[in-house]
């Protein structure tokens, strides 16, 4: 049986904090890389993340903090990356330590910009990490609900079944149920797309479309997602599994969804810049929309919802006009 060894978190946001809470409950020790030393010092002083999920308290004696990513990578076997996708490359540029011998888990819900690669693809192609040393976490799981210990279901994707199961066991608890999958690429791309579709749902909400239309939007979104996944990774999968459809639904409907909130502001007339400033948090679907649009220029999958969100966010087409055109394409 594979042993995950010592586990470290790379990133300091709300999802990173939620995953740290889950893992430390099992292992009672983690490494934790955060970029800002002042945040680390404040965390040690008050025993919780000073900026995210402040209700989650930690025994900081069980955490080895460092703002030096090399120190964490050198000393830990399993590295859980929870950095927003637009910033991943900037952090990795600091690396002087090899990654290929580490077990890499990505909990990043976005593609790597410019390369437009899923994170596992990026680690494999750029850092020579073997595919069986790469895993991902997916499923409907708002960080805020994990913090409240509300029942959540996570799927660990990895081509190596033993490694997937070993890491899933570290996540499992009374409030976290886990399962495994071999569909790493499918889980990663669906995690990107559900954010795009949540922005669409938010835009429609901001334009005062009702629940009836939102249901039609989500049913079309899962079909669109399935077409893309079957093109980029033609495995046998059930798009209605919780890691695909469940994640789409919670992100499209929940009050905790940053991407839905961002979309709602756009629908109400905010500019992209003003919505981003007011939110003070990253809606990864904004970046994911551009990455997926560029990716699909080579794939030619029929994706009218993606196209509509891209036109609104990047081509500055009126949301009223673009969504009306989208509604005419639905049945």
Protein backbone atom coordinates (compact mmCIF):
# COMPACT_ATOMS: atom_id res chain seq x y z
CA UNK A 1 0.00 0.00 0.00
CA UNK A 2 1.31 3.44 -0.95
CA UNK A 3 2.32 5.72 1.95
CA UNK A 4 1.70 9.44 1.36
CA UNK A 5 4.41 10.28 3.89
CA UNK A 6 4.54 13.82 5.24
CA UNK A 7 2.01 16.15 3.62
CA UNK A 8 2.28 19.88 2.94
CA UNK A 9 -0.16 22.53 1.73
CA UNK A 10 0.99 25.03 -0.90
CA UNK A 11 -1.22 28.12 -0.74
CA UNK A 12 -2.95 30.25 1.85
CA UNK A 13 -6.52 30.90 0.68
CA UNK A 14 -9.88 29.58 1.85
CA UNK A 15 -9.75 26.22 0.03
CA UNK A 16 -6.15 25.71 1.17
CA UNK A 17 -7.27 26.39 4.74
CA UNK A 18 -10.19 23.97 4.45
CA UNK A 19 -7.96 21.21 3.07
CA UNK A 20 -5.42 21.86 5.82
CA UNK A 21 -8.20 21.44 8.39
CA UNK A 22 -9.23 18.13 6.82
CA UNK A 23 -5.71 16.69 6.58
CA UNK A 24 -4.38 17.82 9.95
CA UNK A 25 -7.36 16.16 11.61
CA UNK A 26 -5.94 12.87 10.34
CA UNK A 27 -2.16 13.37 10.35
CA UNK A 28 -1.72 15.89 13.22
CA UNK A 29 1.14 17.46 11.29
CA UNK A 30 1.41 19.38 8.03
CA UNK A 31 3.86 21.67 6.32
CA UNK A 32 2.28 24.87 5.04
CA UNK A 33 3.75 27.25 2.49
CA UNK A 34 2.34 30.78 2.51
CA UNK A 35 3.87 33.59 0.51
CA UNK A 36 3.61 36.31 3.16
CA UNK A 37 5.66 36.08 6.34
CA UNK A 38 3.41 38.62 8.08
CA UNK A 39 0.41 36.32 7.52
CA UNK A 40 2.37 33.39 8.97
CA UNK A 41 3.33 35.39 12.07
CA UNK A 42 -0.26 36.51 12.58
CA UNK A 43 -1.49 32.91 12.07
CA UNK A 44 0.89 31.68 14.78
CA UNK A 45 -0.27 34.42 17.15
CA UNK A 46 -4.04 33.97 16.77
CA UNK A 47 -4.14 30.24 15.78
CA UNK A 48 -6.22 30.77 12.66
CA UNK A 49 -5.73 32.06 9.14
CA UNK A 50 -5.97 35.85 9.56
CA UNK A 51 -7.49 36.36 6.09
CA UNK A 52 -9.62 33.28 5.26
CA UNK A 53 -12.01 30.99 7.16
CA UNK A 54 -11.21 32.79 10.38
CA UNK A 55 -13.56 30.56 12.38
CA UNK A 56 -11.31 27.52 11.80
CA UNK A 57 -8.81 27.24 14.66
CA UNK A 58 -5.61 25.19 14.48
CA UNK A 59 -3.09 23.85 16.93
CA UNK A 60 -0.13 25.63 15.37
CA UNK A 61 2.27 23.25 17.14
CA UNK A 62 1.12 20.74 14.49
CA UNK A 63 2.07 23.04 11.58
CA UNK A 64 5.48 23.77 10.11
CA UNK A 65 5.03 27.13 8.36
CA UNK A 66 7.40 28.60 5.82
CA UNK A 67 7.34 31.30 3.16
CA UNK A 68 10.20 29.46 1.41
CA UNK A 69 8.63 27.02 -1.05
CA UNK A 70 11.93 25.16 -1.46
CA UNK A 71 12.11 24.39 2.24
CA UNK A 72 8.62 22.88 2.16
CA UNK A 73 9.25 20.87 -1.02
CA UNK A 74 12.53 19.51 0.32
CA UNK A 75 10.99 18.26 3.57
CA UNK A 76 7.61 16.86 2.51
CA UNK A 77 6.58 13.89 0.38
CA UNK A 78 3.04 14.82 -0.68
CA UNK A 79 2.46 18.38 -1.88
CA UNK A 80 -1.10 19.68 -2.16
CA UNK A 81 -1.16 22.70 -4.46
CA UNK A 82 -4.01 25.11 -3.72
CA UNK A 83 -2.71 28.27 -5.40
CA UNK A 84 -5.06 30.17 -7.76
CA UNK A 85 -4.16 29.09 -11.28
CA UNK A 86 -3.09 32.57 -12.52
CA UNK A 87 -0.35 32.67 -9.84
CA UNK A 88 0.92 29.08 -9.99
CA UNK A 89 3.82 29.73 -12.35
CA UNK A 90 5.10 32.69 -10.29
CA UNK A 91 5.41 30.48 -7.21
CA UNK A 92 6.95 27.57 -9.10
CA UNK A 93 9.62 29.84 -10.63
CA UNK A 94 11.16 30.05 -7.14
CA UNK A 95 11.74 26.28 -7.08
CA UNK A 96 15.25 24.91 -7.00
CA UNK A 97 14.12 21.50 -5.73
CA UNK A 98 13.00 18.67 -8.02
CA UNK A 99 9.35 17.74 -8.05
CA UNK A 100 9.45 14.51 -10.02
CA UNK A 101 9.91 12.31 -6.94
CA UNK A 102 7.07 13.95 -5.01
CA UNK A 103 3.42 12.96 -4.96
CA UNK A 104 1.67 16.06 -6.33
CA UNK A 105 -2.01 16.71 -5.60
CA UNK A 106 -3.72 19.63 -7.33
CA UNK A 107 -6.76 21.23 -5.76
CA UNK A 108 -6.58 24.10 -8.25
CA UNK A 109 -9.79 24.79 -10.16
CA UNK A 110 -8.30 26.42 -13.22
CA UNK A 111 -6.03 25.94 -16.20
CA UNK A 112 -2.47 27.30 -16.26
CA UNK A 113 -2.71 30.53 -18.30
CA UNK A 114 -0.72 30.95 -21.53
CA UNK A 115 -0.04 27.20 -21.80
CA UNK A 116 -3.78 26.49 -21.27
CA UNK A 117 -2.89 23.19 -19.61
CA UNK A 118 -4.63 21.42 -16.76
CA UNK A 119 -2.36 21.55 -13.71
CA UNK A 120 -1.48 17.86 -13.89
CA UNK A 121 -0.52 18.30 -17.56
CA UNK A 122 1.63 21.28 -16.61
CA UNK A 123 3.47 19.43 -13.81
CA UNK A 124 4.02 16.48 -16.15
CA UNK A 125 5.25 18.46 -19.16
CA UNK A 126 7.25 21.20 -17.44
CA UNK A 127 8.49 19.49 -14.24
CA UNK A 128 8.69 15.91 -15.51
CA UNK A 129 6.45 14.52 -12.77
CA UNK A 130 5.25 11.01 -13.79
CA UNK A 131 1.51 10.78 -14.38
CA UNK A 132 1.15 8.15 -11.65
CA UNK A 133 2.61 10.68 -9.18
CA UNK A 134 -0.07 13.22 -10.05
CA UNK A 135 -3.49 13.43 -8.43
CA UNK A 136 -6.33 15.92 -8.13
CA UNK A 137 -9.17 16.67 -5.73
CA UNK A 138 -12.65 17.32 -7.11
CA UNK A 139 -16.28 17.33 -6.09
CA UNK A 140 -18.88 19.72 -4.66
CA UNK A 141 -17.05 21.22 -1.71
CA UNK A 142 -17.31 24.86 -0.70
CA UNK A 143 -14.55 25.72 1.73
CA UNK A 144 -17.07 27.49 3.97
CA UNK A 145 -19.12 24.32 4.43
CA UNK A 146 -16.03 22.22 5.08
CA UNK A 147 -15.12 24.74 7.78
CA UNK A 148 -18.55 24.17 9.33
CA UNK A 149 -18.00 20.37 9.07
CA UNK A 150 -21.07 19.94 6.89
CA UNK A 151 -21.14 16.62 5.06
CA UNK A 152 -19.14 16.82 1.83
CA UNK A 153 -18.06 14.32 -0.83
CA UNK A 154 -14.61 14.49 -2.43
CA UNK A 155 -13.16 12.48 -5.29
CA UNK A 156 -9.43 11.87 -5.61
CA UNK A 157 -8.31 11.34 -9.18
CA UNK A 158 -5.07 9.49 -9.96
CA UNK A 159 -3.98 6.98 -12.59
CA UNK A 160 -2.46 4.90 -9.77
CA UNK A 161 -5.37 3.42 -7.81
CA UNK A 162 -3.30 2.68 -4.68
CA UNK A 163 -2.06 6.26 -4.47
CA UNK A 164 -5.55 7.64 -5.00
CA UNK A 165 -6.91 5.45 -2.22
CA UNK A 166 -4.07 6.30 0.17
CA UNK A 167 -4.65 10.02 -0.21
CA UNK A 168 -8.43 9.62 -0.08
CA UNK A 169 -7.97 7.87 3.28
CA UNK A 170 -6.15 10.94 4.60
CA UNK A 171 -9.11 13.12 3.61
CA UNK A 172 -11.84 10.84 4.94
CA UNK A 173 -13.57 11.74 8.20
CA UNK A 174 -16.99 11.90 9.80
CA UNK A 175 -17.91 14.84 7.58
CA UNK A 176 -15.83 14.02 4.47
CA UNK A 177 -16.71 10.99 2.36
CA UNK A 178 -14.27 10.05 -0.37
CA UNK A 179 -14.00 7.95 -3.49
CA UNK A 180 -11.38 7.54 -6.21
CA UNK A 181 -11.26 7.89 -9.97
CA UNK A 182 -8.69 7.48 -12.73
CA UNK A 183 -10.11 10.46 -14.65
CA UNK A 184 -7.60 13.13 -13.62
CA UNK A 185 -7.89 15.27 -16.76
CA UNK A 186 -11.69 15.03 -16.83
CA UNK A 187 -11.97 16.12 -13.19
CA UNK A 188 -9.61 19.04 -13.75
CA UNK A 189 -11.36 20.31 -16.87
CA UNK A 190 -14.79 19.94 -15.29
CA UNK A 191 -13.53 21.98 -12.31
CA UNK A 192 -12.65 24.77 -14.72
CA UNK A 193 -15.88 24.61 -16.70
CA UNK A 194 -18.20 24.59 -13.70
CA UNK A 195 -16.76 27.98 -12.73
CA UNK A 196 -17.51 29.31 -16.22
CA UNK A 197 -21.08 28.02 -16.01
CA UNK A 198 -21.48 29.48 -12.52
CA UNK A 199 -20.57 32.88 -13.95
CA UNK A 200 -23.26 32.32 -16.59
CA UNK A 201 -25.76 31.44 -13.86
CA UNK A 202 -24.80 34.56 -11.94
CA UNK A 203 -25.15 36.77 -15.01
CA UNK A 204 -28.64 35.36 -15.64
CA UNK A 205 -29.56 35.93 -11.99
CA UNK A 206 -28.33 39.52 -12.23
CA UNK A 207 -30.53 39.95 -15.31
CA UNK A 208 -33.54 38.63 -13.31
CA UNK A 209 -33.93 35.32 -15.14
CA UNK A 210 -35.78 32.96 -12.80
CA UNK A 211 -35.32 29.45 -11.45
CA UNK A 212 -37.04 27.87 -14.46
CA UNK A 213 -34.41 29.22 -16.83
CA UNK A 214 -31.56 28.48 -14.42
CA UNK A 215 -32.56 24.80 -14.53
CA UNK A 216 -32.46 24.85 -18.34
CA UNK A 217 -29.08 26.58 -18.22
CA UNK A 218 -27.61 23.93 -15.91
CA UNK A 219 -29.01 21.05 -17.96
CA UNK A 220 -27.44 22.51 -21.09
CA UNK A 221 -24.20 23.17 -19.18
CA UNK A 222 -23.74 19.53 -18.19
CA UNK A 223 -24.26 18.50 -21.82
CA UNK A 224 -21.70 21.07 -22.96
CA UNK A 225 -19.26 19.91 -20.29
CA UNK A 226 -19.70 16.30 -21.33
CA UNK A 227 -18.94 17.14 -24.98
CA UNK A 228 -15.71 18.87 -24.00
CA UNK A 229 -14.56 16.14 -21.59
CA UNK A 230 -15.19 13.41 -24.14
CA UNK A 231 -13.03 15.35 -26.60
CA UNK A 232 -10.05 16.18 -24.37
CA UNK A 233 -10.07 12.83 -22.54
CA UNK A 234 -12.24 10.15 -24.18
CA UNK A 235 -12.60 7.84 -21.18
CA UNK A 236 -15.70 6.03 -20.04
CA UNK A 237 -17.23 8.38 -17.45
CA UNK A 238 -20.64 9.32 -16.11
CA UNK A 239 -21.07 13.09 -16.33
CA UNK A 240 -23.84 12.83 -13.72
CA UNK A 241 -21.41 11.70 -10.99
CA UNK A 242 -21.00 14.12 -8.10
CA UNK A 243 -17.48 15.11 -9.14
CA UNK A 244 -18.88 16.51 -12.41
CA UNK A 245 -22.58 17.35 -12.12
CA UNK A 246 -22.56 17.80 -8.33
CA UNK A 247 -19.70 20.30 -8.48
CA UNK A 248 -21.45 22.13 -11.32
CA UNK A 249 -24.70 22.42 -9.38
CA UNK A 250 -23.22 23.63 -6.10
CA UNK A 251 -21.06 26.22 -7.87
CA UNK A 252 -23.94 27.37 -10.05
CA UNK A 253 -26.50 27.73 -7.26
CA UNK A 254 -24.74 28.31 -3.93
CA UNK A 255 -24.53 31.62 -2.07
CA UNK A 256 -20.90 30.68 -1.29
CA UNK A 257 -19.95 30.59 -4.99
CA UNK A 258 -17.50 33.36 -5.86
CA UNK A 259 -18.04 32.76 -9.56
CA UNK A 260 -21.82 33.03 -9.33
CA UNK A 261 -21.43 36.21 -7.24
CA UNK A 262 -19.03 37.65 -9.81
CA UNK A 263 -21.45 36.79 -12.64
CA UNK A 264 -24.38 38.31 -10.79
CA UNK A 265 -22.49 41.59 -10.48
CA UNK A 266 -21.76 41.55 -14.23
CA UNK A 267 -25.44 40.90 -14.94
CA UNK A 268 -26.37 43.87 -12.75
CA UNK A 269 -24.15 46.17 -14.78
CA UNK A 270 -20.76 46.11 -13.04
CA UNK A 271 -17.68 46.20 -15.24
CA UNK A 272 -15.30 43.27 -14.88
CA UNK A 273 -12.75 45.45 -13.10
CA UNK A 274 -15.22 46.97 -10.65
CA UNK A 275 -16.67 43.52 -9.83
CA UNK A 276 -13.19 42.14 -9.16
CA UNK A 277 -12.28 45.08 -6.92
CA UNK A 278 -15.48 44.87 -4.90
CA UNK A 279 -15.24 41.08 -4.41
CA UNK A 280 -11.64 41.22 -3.08
CA UNK A 281 -11.32 37.50 -3.93
CA UNK A 282 -10.49 35.70 -7.14
CA UNK A 283 -13.26 34.28 -9.30
CA UNK A 284 -11.18 31.72 -11.17
CA UNK A 285 -13.87 31.30 -13.79
CA UNK A 286 -12.90 34.69 -15.23
CA UNK A 287 -9.45 33.36 -16.14
CA UNK A 288 -10.83 29.90 -16.92
CA UNK A 289 -13.20 31.34 -19.51
CA UNK A 290 -10.33 32.76 -21.56
CA UNK A 291 -8.23 29.60 -21.21
CA UNK A 292 -11.13 27.35 -22.25
CA UNK A 293 -12.05 29.59 -25.19
CA UNK A 294 -8.47 29.46 -26.46
CA UNK A 295 -8.33 25.69 -25.91
CA UNK A 296 -11.57 25.16 -27.79
CA UNK A 297 -10.29 27.06 -30.83
CA UNK A 298 -8.27 23.90 -31.53
CA UNK A 299 -10.94 21.40 -30.43
CA UNK A 300 -14.01 22.90 -32.16
CA UNK A 301 -16.50 21.58 -29.58
CA UNK A 302 -19.97 23.15 -29.69
CA UNK A 303 -19.92 25.30 -26.50
CA UNK A 304 -22.48 28.13 -26.72
CA UNK A 305 -22.48 28.88 -22.96
CA UNK A 306 -18.69 29.23 -22.88
CA UNK A 307 -18.87 31.45 -25.98
CA UNK A 308 -21.54 33.66 -24.40
CA UNK A 309 -19.58 34.15 -21.16
CA UNK A 310 -16.40 34.90 -23.11
CA UNK A 311 -18.20 37.47 -25.28
CA UNK A 312 -19.56 39.24 -22.21
CA UNK A 313 -16.32 39.24 -20.20
CA UNK A 314 -13.71 39.75 -22.92
CA UNK A 315 -15.51 41.17 -25.96
CA UNK A 316 -17.65 43.53 -23.84
CA UNK A 317 -20.89 42.42 -25.48
CA UNK A 318 -23.99 43.51 -23.56
CA UNK A 319 -25.08 40.73 -21.14
CA UNK A 320 -28.74 41.38 -22.09
CA UNK A 321 -28.00 40.83 -25.79
CA UNK A 322 -25.65 37.87 -25.35
CA UNK A 323 -27.89 35.96 -22.94
CA UNK A 324 -30.94 36.57 -25.15
CA UNK A 325 -29.04 35.01 -28.06
CA UNK A 326 -28.08 32.10 -25.76
CA UNK A 327 -31.69 31.50 -24.70
CA UNK A 328 -32.71 31.21 -28.34
CA UNK A 329 -30.20 28.33 -28.79
CA UNK A 330 -31.68 26.27 -25.90
CA UNK A 331 -34.47 23.75 -26.21
